[in-house]
N, C-alpha and C. Protein backbone atom coordinates (compact mmCIF):
# COMPACT_ATOMS: atom_id res chain seq x y z
N MET A 1 -18.29 -2.10 -2.28
CA MET A 1 -18.22 -1.52 -3.60
C MET A 1 -17.02 -0.57 -3.74
N ASN A 2 -16.78 0.21 -2.67
CA ASN A 2 -15.66 1.14 -2.71
C ASN A 2 -14.32 0.41 -2.82
N ALA A 3 -14.22 -0.76 -2.19
CA ALA A 3 -12.97 -1.52 -2.25
C ALA A 3 -12.70 -2.00 -3.67
N ILE A 4 -13.73 -2.40 -4.39
CA ILE A 4 -13.56 -2.85 -5.77
C ILE A 4 -13.11 -1.69 -6.65
N ILE A 5 -13.72 -0.54 -6.46
CA ILE A 5 -13.34 0.64 -7.23
C ILE A 5 -11.89 1.04 -6.91
N PHE A 6 -11.54 0.96 -5.63
CA PHE A 6 -10.18 1.30 -5.21
C PHE A 6 -9.15 0.37 -5.85
N VAL A 7 -9.45 -0.93 -5.89
CA VAL A 7 -8.54 -1.90 -6.52
C VAL A 7 -8.44 -1.64 -8.01
N LEU A 8 -9.55 -1.36 -8.67
CA LEU A 8 -9.53 -1.11 -10.11
C LEU A 8 -8.76 0.17 -10.45
N VAL A 9 -8.91 1.19 -9.63
CA VAL A 9 -8.17 2.43 -9.85
C VAL A 9 -6.68 2.19 -9.66
N ASN A 10 -6.31 1.43 -8.63
CA ASN A 10 -4.90 1.13 -8.43
C ASN A 10 -4.35 0.21 -9.52
N ALA A 11 -5.19 -0.68 -10.04
CA ALA A 11 -4.76 -1.52 -11.17
C ALA A 11 -4.53 -0.65 -12.40
N LEU A 12 -5.38 0.32 -12.62
CA LEU A 12 -5.17 1.26 -13.72
C LEU A 12 -3.88 2.04 -13.52
N ALA A 13 -3.58 2.40 -12.28
CA ALA A 13 -2.33 3.10 -11.98
C ALA A 13 -1.13 2.21 -12.28
N VAL A 14 -1.22 0.93 -11.95
CA VAL A 14 -0.14 -0.01 -12.27
C VAL A 14 0.03 -0.12 -13.78
N PHE A 15 -1.08 -0.22 -14.49
CA PHE A 15 -1.04 -0.35 -15.94
C PHE A 15 -0.44 0.90 -16.60
N VAL A 16 -0.86 2.07 -16.15
CA VAL A 16 -0.35 3.33 -16.71
C VAL A 16 1.13 3.50 -16.37
N SER A 17 1.51 3.18 -15.14
CA SER A 17 2.91 3.31 -14.74
C SER A 17 3.81 2.39 -15.55
N SER A 18 3.32 1.18 -15.83
CA SER A 18 4.13 0.26 -16.64
C SER A 18 4.21 0.73 -18.09
N TYR A 19 3.18 1.44 -18.55
CA TYR A 19 3.21 1.98 -19.90
C TYR A 19 4.23 3.12 -20.01
N ILE A 20 4.37 3.89 -18.95
CA ILE A 20 5.29 5.03 -18.94
C ILE A 20 6.74 4.56 -18.87
N LEU A 21 7.00 3.54 -18.07
CA LEU A 21 8.38 3.10 -17.82
C LEU A 21 8.76 1.92 -18.71
N PRO A 22 9.85 2.02 -19.45
CA PRO A 22 10.25 0.92 -20.34
C PRO A 22 10.81 -0.30 -19.60
N GLY A 23 11.23 -0.16 -18.35
CA GLY A 23 11.80 -1.26 -17.61
C GLY A 23 10.79 -2.11 -16.87
N VAL A 24 9.50 -1.76 -17.01
CA VAL A 24 8.43 -2.49 -16.31
C VAL A 24 7.40 -2.91 -17.34
N LYS A 25 7.04 -4.18 -17.33
CA LYS A 25 6.07 -4.71 -18.29
C LYS A 25 4.93 -5.40 -17.55
N VAL A 26 3.71 -5.09 -17.95
CA VAL A 26 2.51 -5.78 -17.46
C VAL A 26 1.80 -6.33 -18.69
N ASP A 27 1.55 -7.65 -18.69
CA ASP A 27 1.00 -8.30 -19.88
C ASP A 27 -0.46 -7.95 -20.14
N SER A 28 -1.28 -7.83 -19.10
CA SER A 28 -2.70 -7.56 -19.31
C SER A 28 -3.25 -6.77 -18.13
N PHE A 29 -4.49 -6.31 -18.29
CA PHE A 29 -5.11 -5.56 -17.20
C PHE A 29 -5.41 -6.48 -16.02
N LEU A 30 -5.71 -7.75 -16.29
CA LEU A 30 -5.94 -8.71 -15.21
C LEU A 30 -4.66 -8.90 -14.39
N THR A 31 -3.53 -8.92 -15.05
CA THR A 31 -2.25 -8.99 -14.34
C THR A 31 -2.06 -7.74 -13.48
N ALA A 32 -2.45 -6.58 -13.99
CA ALA A 32 -2.35 -5.34 -13.22
C ALA A 32 -3.25 -5.39 -11.99
N VAL A 33 -4.42 -6.01 -12.11
CA VAL A 33 -5.31 -6.16 -10.95
C VAL A 33 -4.65 -7.04 -9.89
N VAL A 34 -4.05 -8.14 -10.32
CA VAL A 34 -3.37 -9.04 -9.38
C VAL A 34 -2.20 -8.32 -8.72
N VAL A 35 -1.45 -7.55 -9.49
CA VAL A 35 -0.32 -6.78 -8.93
C VAL A 35 -0.83 -5.77 -7.92
N ALA A 36 -1.92 -5.07 -8.24
CA ALA A 36 -2.47 -4.07 -7.32
C ALA A 36 -2.93 -4.71 -6.02
N VAL A 37 -3.59 -5.85 -6.11
CA VAL A 37 -4.05 -6.54 -4.91
C VAL A 37 -2.86 -7.02 -4.08
N LEU A 38 -1.89 -7.65 -4.73
CA LEU A 38 -0.74 -8.17 -4.00
C LEU A 38 0.10 -7.06 -3.38
N LEU A 39 0.30 -5.96 -4.10
CA LEU A 39 1.03 -4.83 -3.51
C LEU A 39 0.26 -4.24 -2.34
N GLY A 40 -1.07 -4.20 -2.45
CA GLY A 40 -1.88 -3.71 -1.33
C GLY A 40 -1.75 -4.59 -0.10
N VAL A 41 -1.75 -5.90 -0.30
CA VAL A 41 -1.60 -6.84 0.82
C VAL A 41 -0.21 -6.72 1.43
N LEU A 42 0.81 -6.66 0.59
CA LEU A 42 2.18 -6.52 1.10
C LEU A 42 2.38 -5.20 1.83
N ASN A 43 1.81 -4.12 1.29
CA ASN A 43 1.94 -2.82 1.96
C ASN A 43 1.18 -2.78 3.27
N THR A 44 0.13 -3.58 3.38
CA THR A 44 -0.65 -3.60 4.62
C THR A 44 0.01 -4.44 5.70
N PHE A 45 0.53 -5.60 5.33
CA PHE A 45 1.03 -6.53 6.34
C PHE A 45 2.55 -6.59 6.44
N ALA A 46 3.25 -6.64 5.34
CA ALA A 46 4.71 -6.84 5.38
C ALA A 46 5.47 -5.54 5.58
N LYS A 47 5.02 -4.46 4.98
CA LYS A 47 5.77 -3.20 5.04
C LYS A 47 5.92 -2.67 6.47
N PRO A 48 4.87 -2.68 7.31
CA PRO A 48 5.10 -2.20 8.69
C PRO A 48 6.11 -3.03 9.45
N VAL A 49 6.12 -4.34 9.23
CA VAL A 49 7.10 -5.20 9.89
C VAL A 49 8.49 -4.87 9.41
N LEU A 50 8.65 -4.68 8.09
CA LEU A 50 9.97 -4.35 7.54
C LEU A 50 10.45 -2.99 8.03
N ILE A 51 9.54 -2.05 8.17
CA ILE A 51 9.94 -0.72 8.67
C ILE A 51 10.41 -0.81 10.12
N ILE A 52 9.72 -1.60 10.93
CA ILE A 52 10.14 -1.75 12.32
C ILE A 52 11.48 -2.49 12.41
N LEU A 53 11.66 -3.52 11.58
CA LEU A 53 12.92 -4.26 11.61
C LEU A 53 14.10 -3.42 11.15
N THR A 54 13.86 -2.48 10.26
CA THR A 54 14.93 -1.64 9.73
C THR A 54 14.89 -0.23 10.33
N LEU A 55 14.32 -0.11 11.51
CA LEU A 55 14.16 1.21 12.13
C LEU A 55 15.48 1.96 12.33
N PRO A 56 16.55 1.31 12.78
CA PRO A 56 17.80 2.08 12.94
C PRO A 56 18.30 2.69 11.63
N ILE A 57 18.28 1.91 10.55
CA ILE A 57 18.74 2.46 9.27
C ILE A 57 17.75 3.50 8.73
N ASN A 58 16.47 3.33 9.03
CA ASN A 58 15.49 4.33 8.63
C ASN A 58 15.73 5.65 9.34
N ILE A 59 16.04 5.59 10.60
CA ILE A 59 16.31 6.82 11.34
C ILE A 59 17.59 7.49 10.83
N LEU A 60 18.63 6.68 10.57
CA LEU A 60 19.89 7.24 10.06
C LEU A 60 19.73 7.91 8.70
N THR A 61 18.85 7.37 7.87
CA THR A 61 18.65 7.93 6.53
C THR A 61 17.45 8.86 6.45
N LEU A 62 16.93 9.24 7.61
CA LEU A 62 15.75 10.11 7.68
C LEU A 62 14.57 9.53 6.90
N PHE A 63 14.38 8.22 7.08
CA PHE A 63 13.29 7.44 6.50
C PHE A 63 13.31 7.38 4.97
N LEU A 64 14.46 7.65 4.37
CA LEU A 64 14.60 7.46 2.93
C LEU A 64 14.75 5.98 2.58
N PHE A 65 15.09 5.15 3.56
CA PHE A 65 15.22 3.72 3.32
C PHE A 65 13.86 3.09 3.01
N VAL A 66 12.78 3.78 3.30
CA VAL A 66 11.44 3.28 2.97
C VAL A 66 11.30 3.11 1.46
N PHE A 67 11.96 3.96 0.69
CA PHE A 67 11.93 3.81 -0.77
C PHE A 67 12.59 2.50 -1.20
N VAL A 68 13.64 2.11 -0.50
CA VAL A 68 14.30 0.84 -0.79
C VAL A 68 13.38 -0.32 -0.44
N ILE A 69 12.68 -0.22 0.67
CA ILE A 69 11.71 -1.25 1.05
C ILE A 69 10.62 -1.36 -0.01
N ASN A 70 10.13 -0.22 -0.49
CA ASN A 70 9.11 -0.24 -1.55
C ASN A 70 9.63 -0.93 -2.81
N ALA A 71 10.87 -0.64 -3.17
CA ALA A 71 11.45 -1.27 -4.36
C ALA A 71 11.57 -2.78 -4.18
N PHE A 72 11.97 -3.22 -3.00
CA PHE A 72 12.06 -4.66 -2.76
C PHE A 72 10.69 -5.32 -2.77
N LEU A 73 9.67 -4.62 -2.29
CA LEU A 73 8.31 -5.18 -2.36
C LEU A 73 7.85 -5.29 -3.81
N VAL A 74 8.20 -4.33 -4.65
CA VAL A 74 7.85 -4.41 -6.07
C VAL A 74 8.60 -5.57 -6.73
N LEU A 75 9.87 -5.73 -6.41
CA LEU A 75 10.64 -6.85 -6.96
C LEU A 75 10.08 -8.19 -6.49
N PHE A 76 9.67 -8.27 -5.24
CA PHE A 76 9.08 -9.49 -4.72
C PHE A 76 7.76 -9.79 -5.43
N THR A 77 6.97 -8.74 -5.67
CA THR A 77 5.72 -8.92 -6.40
C THR A 77 5.98 -9.40 -7.82
N SER A 78 7.01 -8.86 -8.46
CA SER A 78 7.31 -9.29 -9.83
C SER A 78 7.78 -10.74 -9.88
N SER A 79 8.38 -11.21 -8.79
CA SER A 79 8.78 -12.62 -8.77
C SER A 79 7.60 -13.55 -8.52
N LEU A 80 6.52 -13.05 -7.93
CA LEU A 80 5.36 -13.87 -7.64
C LEU A 80 4.30 -13.88 -8.74
N VAL A 81 4.15 -12.75 -9.44
CA VAL A 81 3.06 -12.61 -10.41
C VAL A 81 3.60 -12.85 -11.82
N PRO A 82 3.11 -13.91 -12.48
CA PRO A 82 3.51 -14.11 -13.87
C PRO A 82 2.88 -13.03 -14.76
N GLY A 83 3.65 -12.49 -15.66
CA GLY A 83 3.15 -11.43 -16.53
C GLY A 83 3.50 -10.04 -16.06
N PHE A 84 4.15 -9.94 -14.90
CA PHE A 84 4.62 -8.66 -14.37
C PHE A 84 6.13 -8.76 -14.24
N HIS A 85 6.84 -7.95 -15.05
CA HIS A 85 8.29 -8.04 -15.12
C HIS A 85 8.91 -6.68 -14.82
N VAL A 86 9.89 -6.67 -13.92
CA VAL A 86 10.64 -5.47 -13.59
C VAL A 86 12.10 -5.77 -13.91
N ALA A 87 12.75 -4.85 -14.64
CA ALA A 87 14.10 -5.09 -15.15
C ALA A 87 15.16 -5.12 -14.06
N GLY A 88 14.93 -4.48 -12.94
CA GLY A 88 15.94 -4.48 -11.89
C GLY A 88 15.53 -3.59 -10.73
N PHE A 89 16.48 -3.44 -9.79
CA PHE A 89 16.18 -2.67 -8.59
C PHE A 89 15.83 -1.23 -8.89
N TRP A 90 16.61 -0.58 -9.77
CA TRP A 90 16.38 0.84 -10.05
C TRP A 90 15.04 1.06 -10.74
N TRP A 91 14.65 0.14 -11.63
CA TRP A 91 13.34 0.26 -12.26
C TRP A 91 12.24 0.04 -11.24
N ALA A 92 12.47 -0.84 -10.27
CA ALA A 92 11.49 -1.05 -9.21
C ALA A 92 11.34 0.20 -8.35
N LEU A 93 12.47 0.85 -8.08
CA LEU A 93 12.43 2.08 -7.29
C LEU A 93 11.68 3.19 -8.03
N VAL A 94 11.99 3.37 -9.31
CA VAL A 94 11.30 4.39 -10.11
C VAL A 94 9.82 4.02 -10.27
N PHE A 95 9.54 2.74 -10.47
CA PHE A 95 8.15 2.29 -10.61
C PHE A 95 7.35 2.60 -9.35
N SER A 96 7.92 2.36 -8.18
CA SER A 96 7.18 2.64 -6.95
C SER A 96 6.90 4.13 -6.79
N LEU A 97 7.84 4.98 -7.22
CA LEU A 97 7.61 6.42 -7.15
C LEU A 97 6.55 6.87 -8.15
N VAL A 98 6.67 6.41 -9.39
CA VAL A 98 5.69 6.78 -10.42
C VAL A 98 4.31 6.22 -10.08
N LEU A 99 4.28 5.01 -9.56
CA LEU A 99 3.01 4.39 -9.18
C LEU A 99 2.30 5.19 -8.10
N SER A 100 3.03 5.66 -7.12
CA SER A 100 2.40 6.45 -6.06
C SER A 100 1.87 7.77 -6.59
N ILE A 101 2.57 8.39 -7.52
CA ILE A 101 2.10 9.65 -8.10
C ILE A 101 0.86 9.42 -8.95
N VAL A 102 0.90 8.42 -9.82
CA VAL A 102 -0.24 8.13 -10.69
C VAL A 102 -1.45 7.68 -9.87
N ALA A 103 -1.23 6.84 -8.87
CA ALA A 103 -2.34 6.36 -8.04
C ALA A 103 -2.96 7.51 -7.25
N SER A 104 -2.14 8.42 -6.75
CA SER A 104 -2.68 9.58 -6.03
C SER A 104 -3.52 10.45 -6.95
N PHE A 105 -3.04 10.66 -8.16
CA PHE A 105 -3.78 11.47 -9.13
C PHE A 105 -5.12 10.81 -9.48
N LEU A 106 -5.08 9.51 -9.79
CA LEU A 106 -6.33 8.81 -10.17
C LEU A 106 -7.30 8.70 -9.00
N ASN A 107 -6.78 8.48 -7.81
CA ASN A 107 -7.67 8.41 -6.63
C ASN A 107 -8.28 9.77 -6.31
N SER A 108 -7.59 10.85 -6.62
CA SER A 108 -8.19 12.18 -6.41
C SER A 108 -9.30 12.46 -7.41
N LEU A 109 -9.22 11.84 -8.59
CA LEU A 109 -10.28 12.01 -9.58
C LEU A 109 -11.53 11.23 -9.23
N VAL A 110 -11.35 10.07 -8.59
CA VAL A 110 -12.47 9.19 -8.32
C VAL A 110 -13.24 9.61 -7.07
N LYS A 111 -12.57 10.10 -6.06
CA LYS A 111 -13.18 10.55 -4.81
C LYS A 111 -13.95 9.43 -4.12
N ILE A 112 -13.25 8.39 -3.73
CA ILE A 112 -13.90 7.27 -3.03
C ILE A 112 -14.20 7.67 -1.61
C-alpha cells in the first residue's frame, strides 16, 4: 500500500512540476504516473551504473555531473513515454531539480 501511495505522490510531483515549467508538458495524470514509475525504475537500476561509469568526471566536477545524468534520464523518459514532452536538455535539467524539490515537499506531507 505504501508503494502505491509513494508512486501517486511522485506522479503528483511530476504533474505539478510540469505545470510550473513551460518547457515540460504532461498530457494527463495517467501519463504522470507512467513517468513517475519509469523515472523510479531508471533511478533505481540505470543511474547507479551511469554514476560508476562516469566516476572520473563526477569526481572532477565534485559530483555535479549527477545533475547531467538526471537530465539525460528525464530526456530518455520523455522519448519513451507518449504524452510527456521536454523541450530540451536545459528544461530537463530544471525539471529534475524542480521535481526533486516538489517530491520532497509532498513526501514530507504524506509521511509514508
